[in-house]
Amino acid sequence: MLAAGLVFLASCAVVEPPPGGPVDNIPPYLMSVQPDSGSTGLGEVKELRFRFSEKMERANSFSWLYFFPDQRVRKTKWKGATEAIVYLEEPLPADTLVVVEVAGAMRDAHKVKNKRSRRFPLATADSIPDGSLAGILIFEEKPLQDGVVELYGLQPDTLEYFRRPMIRRTVTDERGAFVFHWLPVPSGPYLVRAFQDKDNNLRPGESDPQRLLPDTLLVDATAGMANLGVTTLYAPTTPGRLLADPFAAPSWDGAVGAWAMAVTESDTGFYPEPVAAGRGDFGWLSPAEGGVLKEVRPGVNRVISFVDVDGDSAFSVVPDTLLAHARGIASTAADSVSWFLEPWVVTEGVELEPGLAARFQVPAWGDSLTAWEAPPPPPAAMDLPSSRPDSLPAPQPPAEREKAER
């Protein structure tokens, strides 16, 4: 009986795999394409075939397929669940290089996403250009993996870069490195935008670090390439610095102070008013050397510069007699004194990217001043015995004295 019981327990202890087999956690990948990657001299191409390593969600190609330059897709047909056939509205344009991008985040039948996007060239021309543009992205002192990098052409027009067609797109590897292949030699100038793609949807979110790189990127005719070196991205709220260029000295004596104000959507302009001393965002500028405003909020800013005529390290209200003295002018005797804000000027529309520096120019100082009400006089101490430090305390009122004696 004991042996039989042990056999029964042992049989109950056998653990079987869950129904449906082992869990699928292997990402799918693109196995082959038709026409083949790198094909040249192609004739009329009106359809492309994509074969995947396993059964996929039969998603419309609008969600995972991109062309550079853009091509219109008529429909997507799946052959089984491993091959997608994409039909174009028009054949690929003649004598053109087309870069095809299969985006990451495609999912197989078990909802497992593919790891990375893939790009390949197709040419209806006789050859594929071999120019390249490369660089490295850093975020928080580490290589930024799967960061998205976009390439735009700069044309002699007034369109904003994001209104122009994107020339190419690529992503960074585990080293933070990226390369745009198949660029004409020579070519450019180019503008590059880079951002962290937390959602893996090839679009920057509001909280994603992003940055525009310089607009002077050229693929050299001799080298056939351009290297951007290392570029650091910063979180959208990372403060930056504003650098003042040298400027004309004001006609009043006194140190030149400045501070930055963020321009919001509801902004209605700058209305001057006194600013007390002790502000941490005051910076001090030199006409000969300029200066720096630190810890400035990224975005659009205005900069207010002023002459600290009274030397109190604040944007103050001062009498006309002091202003005249600060200009080396003898003040005239008058029955009353007029009061003004210290001389000030404003620089509008200073754009600052997160974590970076931007330059601004202090405008020319005019002669006009902002009239202000006279400051209230300081409170005078009452001449009572209790107000003098060496006097005895004033006697309590009778009612209070009676309460204390009870």
Foldseek 3Di string as FASTA:
>chain_A
DVVVVVVVVVVVPDDDDDPPDDQDQDAKDWDAKPVGFFAEQDDFDFKMKIFMPAFFDQDWCVQFKAKAVGFAWDGWDDDGRGMIMTGTPGTDDAQDKMKMKGAWQGAHPSSHTHDGIDIGIYYSHHHFAWFKEKEFEDEPNAGQFFKKKWKFADDPDDDDRVVGGTRDMDTAHRRRMDMDTRDHAWDGQMKMKIWRDPPSRNDDDPFIFMDIDDRRFIQHNVVRYHYPYYDYTYTQFAFEKEWEAAADDDLFDAWKKKFKDAADPPDDDDDDDKWAADDPQIWTADNVGTTMGTRHTAFWIKMKMFGPQVPRRIFDKDWVCSRCVRNVHHDDDDPDIWIFTTFMDMGGGFGGGHHYYGYDYGDDGDDDTGTDDDDDDDDDDDPDQCSDPPHDHDDDDPVVVVVVVD
